[in-house]
Amino acid sequence: MGKRFDLAIFTLSRPDDERKEDMEFQSDHAAMNETSIMMALHPELVHMENLPKDLNEWPLAVGGKDPRKYASAELGDKIINYHLERMEKILKDQLDKLS
């Protein structure tokens, strides 16, 4: 936990030695994780049919596992629930310290 301006700041980011690559919110860019989260929350905004056959084609900026092969709403739900449970524990622990 960090403090700034007398506020407690909490983040979903984890230290590298605690990361679970397939379960992180910000471990890619427009690839498996971010696409999965969008598929779970707002599937109407996901249009993978617009991706070119070659993900290395410039100026496309997909960084991570190919969302066409690996992304799913189910994985998005798992990522979201993993972090909800994780943050719930962190926040409860901090509240307990204030009591």
N, C-alpha and C. Protein backbone atom coordinates (compact mmCIF):
# COMPACT_ATOMS: atom_id res chain seq x y z
N MET A 1 0.85 -1.18 0.00
CA MET A 1 0.00 0.00 0.00
C MET A 1 0.89 1.23 0.00
N GLY A 2 0.55 2.19 -0.82
CA GLY A 2 1.27 3.45 -0.84
C GLY A 2 0.39 4.55 -0.30
N LYS A 3 0.99 5.62 0.17
CA LYS A 3 0.22 6.76 0.66
C LYS A 3 0.68 8.01 -0.06
N ARG A 4 -0.28 8.85 -0.39
CA ARG A 4 0.02 10.11 -1.03
C ARG A 4 -1.12 11.06 -0.67
N PHE A 5 -0.77 12.26 -0.28
CA PHE A 5 -1.77 13.25 0.10
C PHE A 5 -2.70 12.73 1.19
N ASP A 6 -2.16 11.92 2.08
CA ASP A 6 -2.93 11.37 3.18
C ASP A 6 -4.06 10.44 2.72
N LEU A 7 -3.88 9.85 1.57
CA LEU A 7 -4.85 8.89 1.03
C LEU A 7 -4.17 7.54 0.87
N ALA A 8 -4.88 6.49 1.15
CA ALA A 8 -4.36 5.16 0.87
C ALA A 8 -4.63 4.84 -0.59
N ILE A 9 -3.63 4.30 -1.26
CA ILE A 9 -3.74 3.97 -2.68
C ILE A 9 -3.58 2.46 -2.84
N PHE A 10 -4.52 1.84 -3.51
CA PHE A 10 -4.48 0.40 -3.74
C PHE A 10 -4.50 0.16 -5.24
N THR A 11 -3.80 -0.87 -5.68
CA THR A 11 -3.71 -1.15 -7.11
C THR A 11 -3.88 -2.65 -7.37
N LEU A 12 -4.29 -2.96 -8.57
CA LEU A 12 -4.39 -4.37 -8.96
C LEU A 12 -3.04 -4.94 -9.35
N SER A 13 -2.06 -4.07 -9.58
CA SER A 13 -0.73 -4.54 -9.98
C SER A 13 -0.10 -5.35 -8.87
N ARG A 14 0.66 -6.33 -9.27
CA ARG A 14 1.35 -7.18 -8.30
C ARG A 14 2.85 -7.13 -8.61
N PRO A 15 3.68 -7.33 -7.59
CA PRO A 15 5.12 -7.43 -7.86
C PRO A 15 5.39 -8.57 -8.82
N ASP A 16 6.43 -8.46 -9.61
CA ASP A 16 6.74 -9.49 -10.61
C ASP A 16 6.82 -10.89 -10.02
N ASP A 17 7.33 -11.03 -8.81
CA ASP A 17 7.47 -12.36 -8.23
C ASP A 17 6.15 -12.94 -7.74
N GLU A 18 5.07 -12.15 -7.76
CA GLU A 18 3.75 -12.64 -7.35
C GLU A 18 2.76 -12.71 -8.52
N ARG A 19 3.21 -12.36 -9.71
CA ARG A 19 2.29 -12.28 -10.85
C ARG A 19 1.85 -13.66 -11.31
N LYS A 20 0.59 -13.71 -11.75
CA LYS A 20 0.05 -14.89 -12.39
C LYS A 20 -0.33 -14.42 -13.79
N GLU A 21 0.56 -14.62 -14.74
CA GLU A 21 0.47 -14.00 -16.06
C GLU A 21 -0.92 -14.05 -16.68
N ASP A 22 -1.56 -15.20 -16.65
CA ASP A 22 -2.86 -15.32 -17.30
C ASP A 22 -3.99 -14.69 -16.49
N MET A 23 -3.69 -14.23 -15.28
CA MET A 23 -4.74 -13.66 -14.43
C MET A 23 -4.54 -12.17 -14.15
N GLU A 24 -3.61 -11.53 -14.80
CA GLU A 24 -3.34 -10.12 -14.54
C GLU A 24 -4.21 -9.23 -15.42
N PHE A 25 -4.56 -8.06 -14.89
CA PHE A 25 -5.34 -7.09 -15.65
C PHE A 25 -4.51 -6.43 -16.73
N GLN A 26 -3.32 -6.02 -16.40
CA GLN A 26 -2.52 -5.24 -17.33
C GLN A 26 -1.23 -5.97 -17.70
N SER A 27 -1.37 -7.17 -18.20
CA SER A 27 -0.18 -7.91 -18.60
C SER A 27 -0.02 -7.96 -20.11
N ASP A 28 -0.96 -7.38 -20.83
CA ASP A 28 -0.86 -7.34 -22.28
C ASP A 28 -1.53 -6.06 -22.79
N HIS A 29 -1.54 -5.92 -24.09
CA HIS A 29 -2.23 -4.76 -24.68
C HIS A 29 -3.09 -5.26 -25.84
N ALA A 30 -4.40 -5.21 -25.64
CA ALA A 30 -5.36 -5.64 -26.66
C ALA A 30 -5.18 -7.10 -27.05
N ALA A 31 -4.65 -7.89 -26.14
CA ALA A 31 -4.41 -9.31 -26.42
C ALA A 31 -5.33 -10.17 -25.54
N MET A 32 -4.87 -11.34 -25.15
CA MET A 32 -5.71 -12.30 -24.45
C MET A 32 -6.42 -11.73 -23.22
N ASN A 33 -5.65 -11.11 -22.30
CA ASN A 33 -6.25 -10.66 -21.04
C ASN A 33 -7.23 -9.52 -21.24
N GLU A 34 -6.79 -8.43 -21.85
CA GLU A 34 -7.69 -7.28 -22.01
C GLU A 34 -8.91 -7.64 -22.85
N THR A 35 -8.71 -8.43 -23.89
CA THR A 35 -9.84 -8.83 -24.73
C THR A 35 -10.81 -9.71 -23.94
N SER A 36 -10.27 -10.62 -23.14
CA SER A 36 -11.13 -11.49 -22.33
C SER A 36 -11.97 -10.68 -21.35
N ILE A 37 -11.36 -9.68 -20.72
CA ILE A 37 -12.09 -8.83 -19.78
C ILE A 37 -13.20 -8.09 -20.52
N MET A 38 -12.91 -7.55 -21.69
CA MET A 38 -13.94 -6.86 -22.47
C MET A 38 -15.03 -7.82 -22.94
N MET A 39 -14.65 -9.04 -23.28
CA MET A 39 -15.65 -10.03 -23.70
C MET A 39 -16.60 -10.35 -22.54
N ALA A 40 -16.07 -10.33 -21.31
CA ALA A 40 -16.91 -10.61 -20.14
C ALA A 40 -17.79 -9.41 -19.79
N LEU A 41 -17.26 -8.20 -19.92
CA LEU A 41 -17.99 -7.01 -19.49
C LEU A 41 -18.84 -6.37 -20.58
N HIS A 42 -18.27 -6.26 -21.78
CA HIS A 42 -18.96 -5.58 -22.89
C HIS A 42 -18.66 -6.30 -24.22
N PRO A 43 -19.20 -7.50 -24.39
CA PRO A 43 -18.88 -8.27 -25.60
C PRO A 43 -19.25 -7.55 -26.90
N GLU A 44 -20.22 -6.65 -26.82
CA GLU A 44 -20.62 -5.93 -28.03
C GLU A 44 -19.54 -4.99 -28.55
N LEU A 45 -18.53 -4.72 -27.74
CA LEU A 45 -17.43 -3.84 -28.15
C LEU A 45 -16.24 -4.60 -28.73
N VAL A 46 -16.29 -5.92 -28.67
CA VAL A 46 -15.18 -6.74 -29.16
C VAL A 46 -15.48 -7.16 -30.61
N HIS A 47 -14.58 -6.78 -31.51
CA HIS A 47 -14.75 -7.08 -32.95
C HIS A 47 -13.47 -7.70 -33.49
N MET A 48 -13.21 -8.92 -33.07
CA MET A 48 -11.97 -9.58 -33.51
C MET A 48 -11.94 -9.85 -35.00
N GLU A 49 -13.10 -9.82 -35.64
CA GLU A 49 -13.12 -10.01 -37.09
C GLU A 49 -12.39 -8.88 -37.81
N ASN A 50 -12.15 -7.77 -37.12
CA ASN A 50 -11.44 -6.64 -37.72
C ASN A 50 -9.92 -6.77 -37.62
N LEU A 51 -9.45 -7.78 -36.90
CA LEU A 51 -8.00 -7.97 -36.80
C LEU A 51 -7.46 -8.54 -38.10
N PRO A 52 -6.29 -8.09 -38.52
CA PRO A 52 -5.68 -8.67 -39.73
C PRO A 52 -5.18 -10.08 -39.45
N LYS A 53 -4.92 -10.82 -40.51
CA LYS A 53 -4.42 -12.18 -40.35
C LYS A 53 -3.07 -12.19 -39.66
N ASP A 54 -2.25 -11.18 -39.91
CA ASP A 54 -0.92 -11.07 -39.31
C ASP A 54 -0.96 -10.01 -38.22
N LEU A 55 -0.86 -10.44 -36.97
CA LEU A 55 -0.93 -9.49 -35.86
C LEU A 55 0.31 -8.60 -35.77
N ASN A 56 1.33 -8.88 -36.55
CA ASN A 56 2.51 -8.02 -36.57
C ASN A 56 2.38 -6.89 -37.59
N GLU A 57 1.27 -6.87 -38.29
CA GLU A 57 1.04 -5.85 -39.32
C GLU A 57 0.93 -4.47 -38.67
N TRP A 58 1.76 -3.55 -39.13
CA TRP A 58 1.77 -2.18 -38.58
C TRP A 58 0.52 -1.47 -39.05
N PRO A 59 -0.15 -0.63 -38.28
CA PRO A 59 0.20 -0.09 -36.97
C PRO A 59 -0.47 -0.83 -35.82
N LEU A 60 -0.96 -2.02 -36.04
CA LEU A 60 -1.63 -2.78 -35.00
C LEU A 60 -0.74 -2.92 -33.77
N ALA A 61 -1.30 -2.76 -32.61
CA ALA A 61 -0.50 -2.76 -31.38
C ALA A 61 -0.98 -3.82 -30.40
N VAL A 62 -1.15 -5.04 -30.86
CA VAL A 62 -1.53 -6.13 -29.96
C VAL A 62 -0.24 -6.65 -29.33
N GLY A 63 -0.19 -6.62 -28.00
CA GLY A 63 1.01 -7.08 -27.30
C GLY A 63 0.65 -8.17 -26.32
N GLY A 64 0.92 -9.40 -26.67
CA GLY A 64 0.59 -10.53 -25.79
C GLY A 64 0.05 -11.68 -26.61
N LYS A 65 -0.60 -12.61 -25.94
CA LYS A 65 -1.13 -13.80 -26.61
C LYS A 65 -2.27 -13.41 -27.55
N ASP A 66 -2.28 -14.04 -28.71
CA ASP A 66 -3.27 -13.76 -29.75
C ASP A 66 -4.69 -13.92 -29.20
N PRO A 67 -5.46 -12.82 -29.16
CA PRO A 67 -6.81 -12.90 -28.60
C PRO A 67 -7.74 -13.81 -29.40
N ARG A 68 -7.47 -13.98 -30.69
CA ARG A 68 -8.33 -14.84 -31.51
C ARG A 68 -8.23 -16.29 -31.08
N LYS A 69 -7.09 -16.68 -30.52
CA LYS A 69 -6.88 -18.06 -30.09
C LYS A 69 -7.14 -18.26 -28.61
N TYR A 70 -6.82 -17.25 -27.79
CA TYR A 70 -6.78 -17.47 -26.34
C TYR A 70 -7.82 -16.69 -25.53
N ALA A 71 -8.44 -15.67 -26.07
CA ALA A 71 -9.38 -14.85 -25.30
C ALA A 71 -10.75 -15.51 -25.23
N SER A 72 -11.41 -15.30 -24.08
CA SER A 72 -12.79 -15.78 -23.92
C SER A 72 -13.46 -15.01 -22.80
N ALA A 73 -14.77 -14.96 -22.84
CA ALA A 73 -15.53 -14.33 -21.76
C ALA A 73 -15.32 -15.10 -20.45
N GLU A 74 -15.16 -16.41 -20.53
CA GLU A 74 -14.94 -17.22 -19.34
C GLU A 74 -13.62 -16.83 -18.66
N LEU A 75 -12.57 -16.64 -19.45
CA LEU A 75 -11.29 -16.21 -18.88
C LEU A 75 -11.44 -14.80 -18.30
N GLY A 76 -12.17 -13.93 -18.98
CA GLY A 76 -12.42 -12.59 -18.45
C GLY A 76 -13.11 -12.64 -17.10
N ASP A 77 -14.11 -13.50 -16.97
CA ASP A 77 -14.80 -13.66 -15.68
C ASP A 77 -13.83 -14.16 -14.60
N LYS A 78 -12.96 -15.10 -14.96
CA LYS A 78 -11.98 -15.62 -13.99
C LYS A 78 -11.03 -14.52 -13.52
N ILE A 79 -10.55 -13.71 -14.47
CA ILE A 79 -9.63 -12.62 -14.13
C ILE A 79 -10.32 -11.62 -13.21
N ILE A 80 -11.54 -11.22 -13.57
CA ILE A 80 -12.30 -10.25 -12.77
C ILE A 80 -12.54 -10.79 -11.36
N ASN A 81 -13.01 -12.02 -11.26
CA ASN A 81 -13.30 -12.61 -9.94
C ASN A 81 -12.04 -12.80 -9.11
N TYR A 82 -10.95 -13.18 -9.75
CA TYR A 82 -9.66 -13.33 -9.06
C TYR A 82 -9.27 -12.01 -8.39
N HIS A 83 -9.38 -10.91 -9.12
CA HIS A 83 -8.98 -9.62 -8.58
C HIS A 83 -10.00 -9.04 -7.60
N LEU A 84 -11.27 -9.34 -7.80
CA LEU A 84 -12.26 -8.92 -6.80
C LEU A 84 -11.99 -9.58 -5.46
N GLU A 85 -11.73 -10.88 -5.47
CA GLU A 85 -11.44 -11.59 -4.23
C GLU A 85 -10.14 -11.09 -3.61
N ARG A 86 -9.13 -10.88 -4.44
CA ARG A 86 -7.84 -10.40 -3.97
C ARG A 86 -7.96 -9.02 -3.33
N MET A 87 -8.66 -8.10 -4.01
CA MET A 87 -8.80 -6.75 -3.48
C MET A 87 -9.70 -6.73 -2.24
N GLU A 88 -10.70 -7.60 -2.20
CA GLU A 88 -11.55 -7.68 -1.01
C GLU A 88 -10.71 -8.03 0.21
N LYS A 89 -9.81 -8.99 0.06
CA LYS A 89 -8.94 -9.38 1.17
C LYS A 89 -8.02 -8.23 1.57
N ILE A 90 -7.40 -7.58 0.59
CA ILE A 90 -6.50 -6.46 0.88
C ILE A 90 -7.24 -5.35 1.62
N LEU A 91 -8.41 -5.00 1.14
CA LEU A 91 -9.17 -3.91 1.76
C LEU A 91 -9.67 -4.28 3.15
N LYS A 92 -10.12 -5.51 3.33
CA LYS A 92 -10.55 -5.95 4.66
C LYS A 92 -9.39 -5.93 5.64
N ASP A 93 -8.22 -6.41 5.19
CA ASP A 93 -7.04 -6.37 6.05
C ASP A 93 -6.70 -4.95 6.48
N GLN A 94 -6.80 -4.01 5.55
CA GLN A 94 -6.50 -2.61 5.87
C GLN A 94 -7.54 -2.03 6.83
N LEU A 95 -8.81 -2.37 6.62
CA LEU A 95 -9.85 -1.89 7.53
C LEU A 95 -9.67 -2.45 8.93
N ASP A 96 -9.26 -3.73 9.01
CA ASP A 96 -9.01 -4.35 10.32
C ASP A 96 -7.88 -3.63 11.06
N LYS A 97 -6.89 -3.15 10.33
CA LYS A 97 -5.78 -2.43 10.95
C LYS A 97 -6.23 -1.09 11.53
N LEU A 98 -7.30 -0.52 10.96
CA LEU A 98 -7.80 0.76 11.44
C LEU A 98 -8.66 0.60 12.69
N SER A 99 -9.16 -0.61 12.92
CA SER A 99 -10.05 -0.86 14.07
C SER A 99 -9.29 -0.93 15.37
